[in-house]
Protein backbone atom coordinates (compact mmCIF):
# COMPACT_ATOMS: atom_id res chain seq x y z
CA MET A 1 -3.41 -20.11 -6.83
CA ILE A 2 -1.43 -17.74 -9.05
CA VAL A 3 0.04 -19.59 -12.01
CA PRO A 4 3.40 -18.31 -13.31
CA VAL A 5 3.47 -17.35 -16.97
CA LYS A 6 6.56 -16.66 -19.02
CA GLU A 7 5.65 -13.62 -21.05
CA LYS A 8 8.14 -11.67 -23.13
CA ARG A 9 8.19 -8.03 -22.17
CA PRO A 10 8.43 -5.44 -24.94
CA THR A 11 11.78 -3.74 -25.16
CA THR A 12 12.50 -0.13 -26.04
CA GLY A 13 12.36 0.33 -29.76
CA SER A 14 10.26 -2.75 -30.39
CA ARG A 15 7.13 -2.56 -32.48
CA PHE A 16 5.12 -2.83 -29.24
CA ALA A 17 6.80 0.11 -27.48
CA ALA A 18 3.87 2.51 -27.99
CA ILE A 19 1.22 -0.02 -26.94
CA PRO A 20 3.08 -2.68 -24.93
CA GLY A 21 -0.07 -4.68 -24.25
CA LEU A 22 -0.07 -5.84 -27.86
CA GLN A 23 2.90 -8.04 -26.91
CA LEU A 24 0.32 -10.25 -25.19
CA VAL A 25 -1.47 -10.77 -28.50
CA ALA A 26 1.77 -11.74 -30.22
CA SER A 27 2.88 -14.18 -27.51
CA TYR A 28 -0.50 -15.55 -26.38
CA GLN A 29 -0.74 -19.33 -26.21
CA ARG A 30 -3.96 -21.09 -27.18
CA GLY A 31 -3.70 -23.35 -24.15
CA TRP A 32 -4.28 -20.37 -21.84
CA LEU A 33 -7.67 -19.51 -23.33
CA ARG A 34 -9.80 -21.93 -21.31
CA ALA A 35 -8.33 -20.77 -18.00
CA ASP A 36 -8.72 -17.11 -18.99
CA VAL A 37 -12.34 -17.50 -20.09
CA LEU A 38 -13.27 -19.36 -16.90
CA GLY A 39 -11.41 -16.73 -14.88
CA GLY A 40 -13.33 -14.04 -16.74
CA LEU A 41 -16.62 -15.76 -15.86
CA THR A 42 -15.64 -15.87 -12.19
CA LEU A 43 -14.69 -12.20 -12.28
CA TRP A 44 -17.92 -11.31 -14.09
CA ALA A 45 -20.04 -12.93 -11.41
CA MET A 46 -18.49 -10.68 -8.76
CA LEU A 47 -17.95 -7.58 -10.86
CA VAL A 48 -21.53 -7.01 -11.96
CA PRO A 49 -23.14 -6.70 -8.52
CA GLN A 50 -20.19 -4.76 -7.10
CA SER A 51 -20.21 -2.31 -10.00
CA LEU A 52 -23.94 -1.74 -9.64
CA GLY A 53 -23.60 -1.07 -5.92
CA PHE A 54 -20.57 1.22 -6.21
CA ALA A 55 -22.29 3.30 -8.89
CA VAL A 56 -25.19 3.94 -6.52
CA LEU A 57 -22.66 4.78 -3.79
CA ALA A 58 -21.16 7.39 -6.14
CA GLY A 59 -24.56 8.98 -6.69
CA MET A 60 -24.92 7.57 -10.21
CA PRO A 61 -27.48 5.25 -11.83
CA ALA A 62 -26.55 1.64 -11.03
CA VAL A 63 -25.95 0.65 -14.65
CA VAL A 64 -23.19 3.27 -14.99
CA GLY A 65 -20.97 1.03 -12.86
CA LEU A 66 -21.03 -1.54 -15.67
CA TYR A 67 -20.14 1.14 -18.22
CA ALA A 68 -17.08 1.97 -16.11
CA ALA A 69 -16.13 -1.71 -15.93
CA ILE A 70 -16.34 -2.22 -19.70
CA ALA A 71 -14.17 0.80 -20.49
CA ALA A 72 -11.57 0.00 -17.84
CA MET A 73 -11.16 -3.67 -18.79
CA LEU A 74 -11.00 -2.98 -22.52
CA LEU A 75 -8.29 -0.31 -22.16
CA TYR A 76 -6.14 -1.09 -19.11
CA TRP A 77 -4.43 -4.14 -20.63
CA LEU A 78 -3.04 -2.11 -23.56
CA TRP A 79 -0.67 -0.18 -21.27
CA GLY A 80 -0.90 -1.78 -17.82
CA SER A 81 1.72 -4.30 -16.71
CA SER A 82 -0.18 -6.54 -14.26
CA ARG A 83 -1.47 -9.92 -15.39
CA PHE A 84 -4.41 -9.87 -12.98
CA LEU A 85 -5.24 -6.30 -11.94
CA ASN A 86 -8.91 -5.59 -12.50
CA VAL A 87 -9.69 -1.89 -12.89
CA GLY A 88 -13.24 -0.67 -12.38
CA ALA A 89 -15.66 0.85 -9.91
CA GLU A 90 -14.40 0.81 -6.30
CA SER A 91 -16.02 1.89 -3.04
CA THR A 92 -13.27 4.27 -1.90
CA VAL A 93 -13.27 6.32 -5.09
CA ALA A 94 -17.07 6.19 -5.26
CA ILE A 95 -17.38 7.62 -1.76
CA MET A 96 -14.80 10.32 -2.47
CA LEU A 97 -16.53 11.26 -5.72
CA ALA A 98 -19.90 11.60 -4.00
CA THR A 99 -18.33 13.80 -1.32
CA ILE A 100 -16.76 16.10 -3.92
CA LEU A 101 -19.66 16.40 -6.33
CA SER A 102 -22.61 16.49 -3.95
CA GLY A 103 -21.74 20.12 -3.15
CA MET A 104 -21.80 21.05 -6.84
CA ALA A 105 -24.94 19.27 -8.08
CA ASP A 106 -27.76 16.98 -6.94
CA PRO A 107 -26.71 13.30 -7.03
CA GLY A 108 -28.31 11.49 -9.95
CA SER A 109 -29.09 14.69 -11.87
CA ASP A 110 -27.89 15.26 -15.43
CA GLU A 111 -25.50 17.94 -14.20
CA TYR A 112 -24.07 15.54 -11.63
CA LEU A 113 -23.51 12.90 -14.32
CA GLU A 114 -21.69 15.40 -16.52
CA LEU A 115 -19.43 16.42 -13.61
CA ALA A 116 -18.65 12.79 -12.75
CA THR A 117 -17.80 12.03 -16.37
CA THR A 118 -15.53 15.08 -16.57
CA MET A 119 -13.83 13.99 -13.34
CA ALA A 120 -13.02 10.59 -14.86
CA LEU A 121 -11.46 12.25 -17.91
CA LEU A 122 -9.41 14.64 -15.75
CA VAL A 123 -8.18 11.85 -13.49
CA GLY A 124 -7.13 9.91 -16.59
CA LEU A 125 -5.24 12.91 -17.96
CA VAL A 126 -3.46 13.51 -14.63
CA LEU A 127 -2.36 9.86 -14.51
CA THR A 128 -1.21 9.97 -18.13
CA LEU A 129 0.92 13.02 -17.36
CA GLY A 130 2.43 11.05 -14.47
CA GLY A 131 3.47 8.38 -16.96
CA ILE A 132 4.85 10.91 -19.43
CA PHE A 133 7.01 12.49 -16.73
CA ARG A 134 7.97 9.02 -15.46
CA LEU A 135 6.80 9.53 -11.90
CA GLY A 136 6.56 5.79 -11.32
CA ARG A 137 9.36 6.02 -8.77
CA ILE A 138 6.62 7.10 -6.35
CA ALA A 139 5.71 3.44 -6.12
CA ASP A 140 9.25 2.61 -4.96
CA LEU A 141 8.38 4.20 -1.63
CA LEU A 142 6.28 1.10 -0.96
CA SER A 143 8.84 -1.08 0.84
CA ARG A 144 8.54 -4.77 1.67
CA PRO A 145 7.24 -4.15 5.24
CA VAL A 146 4.71 -1.62 3.92
CA LEU A 147 3.59 -4.06 1.24
CA ALA A 148 3.29 -6.94 3.74
CA GLY A 149 1.31 -4.82 6.19
CA TYR A 150 -0.90 -3.35 3.49
CA VAL A 151 -1.74 -6.78 2.07
CA PHE A 152 -2.55 -8.22 5.51
CA GLY A 153 -4.61 -5.20 6.56
CA SER A 154 -6.45 -5.19 3.25
CA GLY A 155 -7.31 -8.85 3.76
CA VAL A 156 -8.89 -8.03 7.12
CA LEU A 157 -10.91 -5.16 5.61
CA ILE A 158 -12.01 -7.26 2.67
CA VAL A 159 -13.23 -10.06 4.94
CA THR A 160 -15.02 -7.79 7.41
CA SER A 161 -16.66 -5.79 4.62
CA GLN A 162 -18.45 -8.96 3.49
CA LEU A 163 -19.77 -10.13 6.86
CA GLN A 164 -23.15 -8.42 6.50
CA GLY A 165 -23.69 -9.93 3.06
CA PHE A 166 -22.60 -13.33 4.35
CA LEU A 167 -25.00 -13.16 7.31
CA GLY A 168 -27.85 -11.55 5.41
CA THR A 169 -27.97 -8.46 7.66
CA SER A 170 -28.25 -4.78 6.78
CA ILE A 171 -26.84 -2.65 9.58
CA ASP A 172 -25.65 0.96 9.58
CA PRO A 173 -22.10 0.66 11.00
CA ASP A 174 -21.73 4.39 11.75
CA PRO A 175 -22.93 4.20 15.38
CA TYR A 176 -20.37 1.46 16.06
CA LEU A 177 -16.62 1.63 16.47
CA THR A 178 -15.97 -1.14 13.93
CA GLU A 179 -17.97 -3.05 11.36
CA ILE A 180 -17.23 -6.29 13.21
CA GLY A 181 -18.70 -4.72 16.32
CA ALA A 182 -21.83 -3.73 14.39
CA VAL A 183 -22.27 -7.28 13.13
CA VAL A 184 -21.64 -8.91 16.51
CA ARG A 185 -24.03 -6.62 18.36
CA ASN A 186 -26.75 -7.39 15.82
CA ILE A 187 -26.03 -11.07 15.38
CA ASP A 188 -29.66 -11.86 16.19
CA ASP A 189 -30.63 -10.36 12.83
CA THR A 190 -28.72 -13.07 10.97
CA GLN A 191 -30.67 -14.74 8.16
CA VAL A 192 -30.14 -18.50 8.30
CA THR A 193 -30.70 -18.95 4.56
CA SER A 194 -27.95 -16.44 3.75
CA VAL A 195 -25.53 -18.22 6.07
CA VAL A 196 -26.39 -21.56 4.45
CA PHE A 197 -25.63 -20.21 0.98
CA GLY A 198 -22.44 -18.56 2.26
CA VAL A 199 -21.16 -21.68 4.00
CA ALA A 200 -22.07 -23.84 1.02
CA THR A 201 -20.10 -21.52 -1.23
CA LEU A 202 -17.08 -21.77 1.08
CA ILE A 203 -17.30 -25.56 1.08
CA VAL A 204 -17.61 -25.73 -2.70
CA MET A 205 -14.72 -23.33 -3.33
CA LEU A 206 -12.31 -24.79 -0.79
CA GLY A 207 -13.27 -28.37 -1.63
CA MET A 208 -12.81 -27.89 -5.36
CA ARG A 209 -9.53 -26.06 -4.79
CA ARG A 210 -8.34 -29.06 -2.82
CA PHE A 211 -9.65 -31.90 -4.96
CA VAL A 212 -10.47 -30.41 -8.40
CA PRO A 213 -8.17 -27.37 -8.74
CA ALA A 214 -8.65 -27.17 -12.50
CA VAL A 215 -12.34 -26.20 -12.08
CA PRO A 216 -13.12 -22.66 -10.84
CA GLY A 217 -15.01 -23.22 -7.62
CA ALA A 218 -16.37 -19.67 -7.49
CA LEU A 219 -18.09 -20.07 -10.84
CA VAL A 220 -19.59 -23.41 -9.82
CA ALA A 221 -20.84 -21.85 -6.58
CA VAL A 222 -22.46 -18.93 -8.43
CA ALA A 223 -24.17 -21.17 -10.98
CA GLY A 224 -25.31 -23.63 -8.33
CA SER A 225 -26.67 -20.92 -6.04
CA MET A 226 -28.63 -19.28 -8.83
CA LEU A 227 -30.02 -22.66 -9.89
CA VAL A 228 -31.15 -23.53 -6.35
CA VAL A 229 -32.80 -20.15 -5.80
CA GLY A 230 -34.52 -20.28 -9.19
CA VAL A 231 -35.78 -23.85 -8.95
CA PHE A 232 -36.88 -23.87 -5.31
CA ASP A 233 -37.93 -20.19 -5.06
CA ILE A 234 -35.94 -19.73 -1.85
CA ASP A 235 -36.43 -16.51 0.10
CA VAL A 236 -32.92 -15.08 0.41
CA ALA A 237 -31.31 -11.69 -0.20
CA VAL A 238 -30.34 -11.48 -3.87
CA VAL A 239 -28.48 -8.99 -6.03
CA GLY A 240 -31.56 -8.20 -8.15
CA GLN A 241 -31.93 -7.26 -11.80
CA PHE A 242 -31.22 -3.84 -13.32
CA ASP A 243 -31.85 -1.83 -16.48
CA GLY A 244 -29.82 -3.04 -19.47
CA GLY A 245 -28.62 -1.33 -22.66
CA LEU A 246 -25.20 -0.43 -24.09
CA PRO A 247 -23.54 2.97 -23.46
CA ILE A 248 -23.00 5.50 -26.23
CA PRO A 249 -19.54 7.17 -26.21
CA GLY A 250 -19.48 10.94 -25.92
CA MET A 251 -17.90 13.98 -24.30
CA PRO A 252 -19.40 15.75 -21.26
CA THR A 253 -20.60 19.34 -21.41
CA ILE A 254 -19.97 21.55 -18.37
CA GLU A 255 -19.27 25.23 -17.71
CA TRP A 256 -15.72 26.53 -17.63
CA SER A 257 -16.01 27.48 -13.95
CA GLN A 258 -17.04 23.92 -13.12
CA PHE A 259 -14.11 22.54 -15.11
CA VAL A 260 -11.66 24.70 -13.14
CA ALA A 261 -13.31 23.70 -9.87
CA LEU A 262 -12.72 20.02 -10.70
CA LEU A 263 -8.98 20.34 -11.41
CA GLY A 264 -7.83 20.19 -7.78
CA PRO A 265 -10.16 17.33 -6.80
CA ALA A 266 -9.11 15.41 -9.92
CA VAL A 267 -5.46 15.57 -8.82
CA ALA A 268 -6.48 14.41 -5.33
CA VAL A 269 -8.42 11.44 -6.73
CA ALA A 270 -5.50 10.55 -9.01
CA LEU A 271 -3.11 10.63 -6.05
CA LEU A 272 -5.33 8.11 -4.30
CA VAL A 273 -6.05 5.93 -7.32
CA TYR A 274 -2.44 5.46 -8.46
CA PRO A 275 -0.72 4.16 -5.30
CA ASP A 276 -3.70 1.98 -4.42
CA SER A 277 -3.73 0.41 -7.90
CA VAL A 278 0.04 -0.09 -8.03
CA LEU A 279 0.14 -1.56 -4.55
CA THR A 280 -2.62 -4.01 -5.47
CA ALA A 281 -0.76 -4.89 -8.68
CA ARG A 282 2.47 -5.50 -6.76
CA SER A 283 0.65 -7.53 -4.14
CA LEU A 284 -0.48 -9.85 -6.93
CA THR A 285 3.14 -10.63 -7.82
CA TYR A 286 3.91 -12.14 -4.40
CA GLY A 287 5.53 -15.54 -4.84
CA THR A 288 5.91 -15.16 -8.62
CA SER A 289 8.55 -13.84 -11.00
CA ASP A 290 6.14 -11.19 -12.32
CA ARG A 291 7.18 -7.55 -12.14
CA VAL A 292 5.01 -4.46 -12.24
CA ASP A 293 6.20 -1.48 -14.31
CA ALA A 294 5.18 1.52 -12.22
CA ASN A 295 5.33 3.93 -15.18
CA ARG A 296 3.17 1.69 -17.35
CA GLU A 297 0.59 1.62 -14.58
CA PHE A 298 0.18 5.39 -14.94
CA PHE A 299 -0.76 4.88 -18.59
CA GLY A 300 -2.87 1.76 -17.98
CA VAL A 301 -4.99 3.15 -15.15
CA GLY A 302 -5.06 6.54 -16.90
CA ALA A 303 -6.44 4.98 -20.09
CA ALA A 304 -9.04 3.12 -18.03
CA ASN A 305 -10.26 6.39 -16.51
CA ILE A 306 -10.34 8.19 -19.85
CA GLY A 307 -12.36 5.31 -21.31
CA ALA A 308 -14.76 5.43 -18.36
CA GLY A 309 -15.26 9.13 -18.95
CA LEU A 310 -15.96 8.64 -22.65
CA LEU A 311 -18.65 6.06 -21.80
CA GLY A 312 -20.34 8.42 -19.37
CA ALA A 313 -19.05 6.78 -16.19
CA PHE A 314 -16.98 7.92 -13.19
CA PRO A 315 -13.33 7.48 -12.05
CA VAL A 316 -12.11 3.90 -11.68
CA ASN A 317 -9.46 2.21 -9.59
CA GLY A 318 -7.64 -1.09 -9.27
CA SER A 319 -9.87 -3.44 -7.27
CA GLN A 320 -8.23 -5.51 -4.56
CA SER A 321 -11.00 -8.02 -3.99
CA ARG A 322 -11.76 -8.64 -7.68
CA SER A 323 -8.09 -8.77 -8.66
CA PHE A 324 -7.26 -11.39 -6.05
CA VAL A 325 -10.34 -13.42 -6.95
CA LEU A 326 -9.24 -13.32 -10.59
CA ALA A 327 -5.70 -14.39 -9.69
CA ASP A 328 -7.12 -17.12 -7.48
CA SER A 329 -9.40 -18.39 -10.28
CA GLY A 330 -6.55 -19.89 -12.31
CA ALA A 331 -6.57 -17.19 -15.01
CA ARG A 332 -3.30 -16.72 -16.85
CA THR A 333 -3.35 -13.26 -18.47
CA GLN A 334 -5.29 -10.03 -18.99
CA VAL A 335 -7.38 -11.89 -21.55
CA ALA A 336 -9.48 -12.91 -18.53
CA ASN A 337 -10.37 -9.23 -18.06
CA LEU A 338 -11.23 -8.95 -21.74
CA ALA A 339 -13.46 -12.02 -21.43
CA ALA A 340 -15.16 -10.47 -18.41
CA ALA A 341 -15.75 -7.29 -20.44
CA VAL A 342 -17.48 -9.34 -23.13
CA PHE A 343 -19.63 -11.03 -20.47
CA VAL A 344 -20.57 -7.63 -19.04
CA ILE A 345 -21.63 -6.46 -22.50
CA LEU A 346 -23.74 -9.62 -22.89
CA THR A 347 -25.17 -8.98 -19.44
CA LEU A 348 -26.30 -5.49 -20.44
CA VAL A 349 -27.93 -6.88 -23.57
CA LEU A 350 -29.31 -10.24 -22.45
CA LEU A 351 -28.70 -11.29 -18.87
CA ALA A 352 -29.84 -8.54 -16.54
CA PRO A 353 -32.81 -10.61 -15.22
CA VAL A 354 -30.68 -13.56 -14.02
CA PHE A 355 -29.27 -11.55 -11.12
CA ASP A 356 -32.69 -11.86 -9.49
CA TYR A 357 -31.49 -15.36 -8.51
CA LEU A 358 -27.93 -14.67 -7.27
CA PRO A 359 -27.67 -14.65 -3.45
CA VAL A 360 -25.66 -11.82 -1.94
CA ALA A 361 -24.15 -14.33 0.51
CA THR A 362 -22.61 -16.32 -2.35
CA LEU A 363 -20.72 -13.26 -3.58
CA ALA A 364 -19.69 -12.39 -0.03
CA ALA A 365 -18.22 -15.87 0.47
CA ILE A 366 -16.21 -15.61 -2.76
CA VAL A 367 -14.69 -12.33 -1.60
CA ILE A 368 -14.01 -13.75 1.89
CA VAL A 369 -12.01 -16.63 0.42
CA ALA A 370 -9.92 -14.14 -1.56
CA GLY A 371 -9.46 -12.02 1.56
CA PHE A 372 -8.17 -14.92 3.65
CA GLY A 373 -5.66 -15.62 0.89
CA LEU A 374 -3.96 -12.32 1.74
CA PHE A 375 -2.97 -13.41 5.25
CA ASP A 376 0.69 -14.40 5.23
CA PRO A 377 2.07 -14.88 8.78
CA ALA A 378 5.28 -16.33 7.31
CA GLU A 379 6.15 -12.94 5.86
CA PHE A 380 5.84 -11.32 9.28
CA ARG A 381 8.00 -14.04 10.83
CA ALA A 382 10.63 -13.38 8.15
CA LEU A 383 10.60 -9.65 8.91
CA TRP A 384 10.88 -10.33 12.65
CA LYS A 385 13.88 -12.55 12.03
CA TYR A 386 15.56 -10.13 9.64
CA ARG A 387 15.04 -6.81 11.41
CA ARG A 388 12.65 -6.00 14.25
CA SER A 389 12.13 -2.43 13.09
CA GLU A 390 10.81 -3.67 9.75
CA PHE A 391 8.47 -6.08 11.50
CA TRP A 392 7.01 -3.22 13.54
CA MET A 393 6.77 -1.13 10.38
CA ALA A 394 4.57 -3.85 8.88
CA VAL A 395 2.47 -4.01 12.05
CA LEU A 396 2.02 -0.22 12.06
CA THR A 397 0.95 -0.42 8.42
CA VAL A 398 -1.66 -3.02 9.31
CA ALA A 399 -2.91 -0.74 12.11
CA ALA A 400 -2.99 2.28 9.76
CA VAL A 401 -4.95 0.37 7.12
CA LEU A 402 -7.43 -0.96 9.67
CA GLY A 403 -7.79 2.27 11.62
CA LEU A 404 -7.72 4.83 8.80
CA GLY A 405 -8.75 2.86 5.72
CA MET A 406 -6.78 1.51 2.79
CA LEU A 407 -5.91 4.75 1.03
CA ILE A 408 -5.02 6.88 4.05
CA GLY A 409 -3.25 3.84 5.44
CA ILE A 410 -0.98 3.83 2.37
CA VAL A 411 -0.06 7.48 2.95
CA VAL A 412 0.70 6.85 6.63
CA ALA A 413 2.75 3.78 5.75
CA ILE A 414 4.80 5.69 3.17
CA LEU A 415 5.43 8.48 5.67
CA LEU A 416 6.56 5.91 8.23
CA SER A 417 8.91 4.38 5.64
CA LEU A 418 10.40 7.78 4.86
CA LEU A 419 10.79 8.53 8.57
CA ALA A 420 12.53 5.20 9.18
CA MET A 421 14.82 5.84 6.21
CA ALA A 422 15.66 9.33 7.49
CA LEU A 423 16.40 8.01 10.98
CA ARG A 424 18.69 5.30 9.61
CA SER A 425 20.47 7.82 7.38
CA ALA A 426 20.82 10.25 10.29
CA ALA A 427 22.90 7.70 12.24
CA PRO A 428 24.68 5.56 9.62
CA HIS A 429 27.38 2.99 10.23
CA THR A 430 30.90 4.36 10.48
CA ALA A 431 34.22 2.54 10.63
CA VAL A 432 37.87 3.02 11.45
CA LEU A 433 39.81 1.04 8.86
CA GLY A 434 43.00 -0.99 9.04
CA GLN A 435 45.03 -2.84 6.42
CA MET A 436 44.52 -6.58 6.18
CA PRO A 437 47.91 -8.36 6.49
CA ASP A 438 49.80 -8.88 3.21
CA THR A 439 47.07 -7.16 1.13
CA ASP A 440 46.10 -3.69 -0.05
CA THR A 441 42.58 -4.19 1.33
CA TYR A 442 41.25 -2.11 4.24
CA ARG A 443 38.52 -3.31 6.61
CA ASP A 444 36.70 -2.19 9.75
CA ILE A 445 39.03 -2.89 12.72
CA ALA A 446 35.97 -3.63 14.88
CA ASP A 447 35.19 -6.62 12.65
CA HIS A 448 38.79 -7.55 11.83
CA PRO A 449 41.06 -7.32 14.90
CA ASP A 450 44.03 -8.46 12.82
CA ALA A 451 43.79 -5.40 10.55
CA VAL A 452 46.95 -3.24 10.81
CA THR A 453 46.68 0.41 11.84
CA PHE A 454 49.38 3.09 11.63
CA PRO A 455 50.26 5.33 14.56
CA GLY A 456 49.16 8.89 13.89
CA LEU A 457 46.95 7.90 10.90
CA LEU A 458 43.15 7.64 11.13
CA ILE A 459 41.40 6.02 8.16
CA TYR A 460 37.70 6.79 8.58
CA ARG A 461 34.71 5.57 6.52
CA PHE A 462 31.20 7.08 6.59
CA ASP A 463 28.63 4.67 5.12
CA ALA A 464 25.95 7.06 3.83
CA PRO A 465 25.45 10.16 1.71
CA LEU A 466 26.49 13.24 3.67
CA PHE A 467 23.43 15.45 4.02
CA PHE A 468 21.62 17.69 6.48
CA ALA A 469 20.23 14.88 8.66
CA ASN A 470 23.59 13.25 9.41
CA ALA A 471 26.05 16.12 8.90
CA PRO A 472 26.25 17.02 12.63
CA MET A 473 26.82 13.35 13.53
CA PHE A 474 29.58 13.13 10.90
CA ARG A 475 31.35 16.22 12.22
CA ASP A 476 31.20 15.13 15.86
CA ASP A 477 32.17 11.52 15.13
CA VAL A 478 35.26 12.46 13.09
CA ILE A 479 36.53 14.79 15.82
CA ALA A 480 35.88 12.16 18.51
CA LYS A 481 37.77 9.51 16.54
CA VAL A 482 40.69 11.90 16.01
CA GLN A 483 40.96 12.37 19.75
CA GLU A 484 40.55 8.66 20.45
CA HIS A 485 43.28 7.60 18.02
CA GLN A 486 45.56 10.64 18.56
CA ALA A 487 45.76 11.16 14.82
CA THR A 488 48.01 13.64 13.04
CA THR A 489 46.56 12.76 9.63
CA VAL A 490 42.98 11.80 8.74
CA VAL A 491 42.09 9.97 5.54
CA LEU A 492 38.38 9.85 4.73
CA ASP A 493 37.34 6.82 2.67
CA MET A 494 34.62 8.41 0.51
CA GLU A 495 33.52 5.31 -1.38
CA SER A 496 30.14 5.12 0.40
CA ILE A 497 29.45 8.86 0.10
CA HIS A 498 27.75 9.25 -3.28
CA ASP A 499 26.28 12.67 -2.58
CA ILE A 500 27.01 15.72 -0.42
CA ASP A 501 24.43 18.46 0.01
CA SER A 502 25.27 22.03 1.06
CA THR A 503 24.85 21.20 4.77
CA GLY A 504 27.18 18.21 4.38
CA ALA A 505 29.76 20.37 2.60
CA GLN A 506 29.48 22.90 5.42
CA ALA A 507 30.06 20.13 8.01
CA LEU A 508 33.11 18.95 6.07
CA GLY A 509 34.41 22.53 6.10
CA GLU A 510 33.86 22.68 9.87
CA VAL A 511 35.86 19.48 10.28
CA LEU A 512 38.67 21.10 8.27
CA ASP A 513 38.52 24.19 10.49
CA GLU A 514 38.80 22.11 13.67
CA LEU A 515 41.61 19.95 12.30
CA ASP A 516 43.49 23.03 11.10
CA ARG A 517 43.33 24.47 14.62
CA ARG A 518 44.88 21.24 15.90
CA GLY A 519 47.52 21.03 13.18
CA ILE A 520 45.99 17.85 11.74
CA THR A 521 45.94 17.06 8.02
CA LEU A 522 42.75 15.91 6.23
CA GLU A 523 42.92 13.92 2.99
CA LEU A 524 40.33 12.01 0.95
CA ALA A 525 40.41 8.71 -0.94
CA ARG A 526 38.12 6.92 -3.43
CA VAL A 527 36.07 10.02 -4.20
CA LYS A 528 33.38 9.70 -6.87
CA THR A 529 33.51 12.16 -9.74
CA GLU A 530 30.13 13.70 -8.89
CA VAL A 531 31.17 14.18 -5.26
CA ARG A 532 34.48 15.71 -6.30
CA ASP A 533 32.57 18.24 -8.38
CA GLU A 534 30.52 19.14 -5.31
CA LEU A 535 33.69 19.48 -3.22
CA HIS A 536 35.18 21.76 -5.87
CA ILE A 537 32.11 24.01 -6.01
CA SER A 538 31.93 24.24 -2.21
CA GLY A 539 35.64 25.17 -1.92
CA VAL A 540 36.50 22.14 0.21
CA GLU A 541 38.83 20.62 -2.39
CA ALA A 542 41.02 23.72 -2.48
CA ARG A 543 41.60 23.51 1.28
CA LEU A 544 42.93 19.94 1.31
CA ALA A 545 46.63 19.46 2.09
CA ARG A 546 49.29 17.73 -0.03
CA SER A 547 47.72 15.95 -2.98
CA GLY A 548 44.38 16.22 -1.17
CA ILE A 549 42.50 13.46 -2.99
CA TYR A 550 43.80 9.95 -3.71
CA LEU A 551 42.52 7.27 -6.04
CA GLU A 552 42.93 4.51 -3.43
CA ILE A 553 43.40 4.33 0.33
CA ASP A 554 46.70 2.58 -0.26
CA ASP A 555 47.99 5.66 -2.10
CA ALA A 556 47.12 7.90 0.85
CA VAL A 557 48.76 5.49 3.29
CA ALA A 558 51.93 5.32 1.20
CA ARG A 559 52.05 9.13 1.10
CA PHE A 560 51.61 9.27 4.88
CA LEU A 561 54.38 6.74 5.52
CA GLU A 562 56.64 8.58 3.12
CA HIS A 563 56.28 11.93 4.93
CA GLU A 564 55.65 10.88 8.52
CA PRO A 565 59.36 10.55 9.47
CA ASP A 566 60.00 14.09 8.25
CA ASP A 567 56.98 15.40 10.16
CA SER A 568 58.15 13.70 13.33
CA ALA A 569 61.68 15.02 13.17
């Protein structure tokens, strides 16, 4: 359960503006410490084995994954804006890194390590530049349906990714269409002892959440599982111990040609790391008053990658599974990540052997619980009730995440959002306006039958910016309405048009041409200053009749009524 915390955000010009994370130090409450330390312990229990495995997946020595975790957790909080986001080694980035670097050096070689370290530094620099140029608006492309679909789809992937660990199997999923299919077809290989530990972990976590919510069930499950394995010498798949020792900071040494060759891939990795991290951070704010600063995330995740590079590790990313487990643990702030970093350092120095007693199934069950917490059918029902198109957008996002993976799924979802936005903008709402009785207010006559219209006068409103996608529709609709209402004067209510591109200006000129041929006057009302500048540059303003542009619709109507008798004579 995510606990709301009232934390003062640094304001521009404050003493924390350069390093906003220091605001946490100034406002931290002593009563949060216990929850943060226990949350850090829970995170540590999951982070260590995952980091070891992802480092191997990236073609690096296993211990390098812990180096990456230390650097990321010690630096992200200084600039990042999420209370719970855990940045560290992740499978998607590890796989991508191995794909990029395996063609340049042998995995595990000294040259490979230098290239991976350089990649982390470059990714960090790219992300930092994104923050400097304030490109955080990229994250605004992640709409509510996209977010809902991404969270749900991620929950499915997180749960299914842990099934083999939960069941104690080791199956290559490549020959199968889905990982679930691989598990089901090889269900006979299930290890009963692994299932017992997994189920026991689920019972402990869910039971303690229900009856003793103040105690972190995941931590109790980890400690209990290790104790049982150690005391009774049970034969079950375990994480296993690893080489310890602390990293020594330093800079990589590679050839200039290799550095240049890494620039493009570093940008590609950064483009995958940023939206995935921000989307995870925003997902963590569901149901709370927390807000994620997209620009700060550039700096936070960028600093984490630079730190990973300086400690000889590889690019890092915001972790979905670990972040949600941390949020679910009862932690209150990023101090939980700092506590986990301290525990990782102690692990490197003292505790590497204890992981010989930690069942893989216990960790899998912890992740599965976090994954199920991402399923929110109520959100889909709300989207269905509000707008069916947004519901289907969320469903398509789920399908994209499940079919193409989390990162590619994000790209597809964003493209779908942009397409939906373009389609809506290409056919916006329009209205013919009439005057409400005894007022100077004008409303859509389709919604207000009592609104008064004036013979020969068409008051037309276009509820969108006028640009290339909707310019033809605007031109055709105005002409059709002129014919329908037999207008001799057209007044365009421009209040909703906050921008006109060159194609829109051309369409407006074509409307003027057609109205001129018919002897019909075109006038504008409620024009924004920026739009008027565009009309002036395009030459449209100079072609308008009479006063041409009015401050209010009422002014244009009064002018029409004043001159209409003369025009009719």
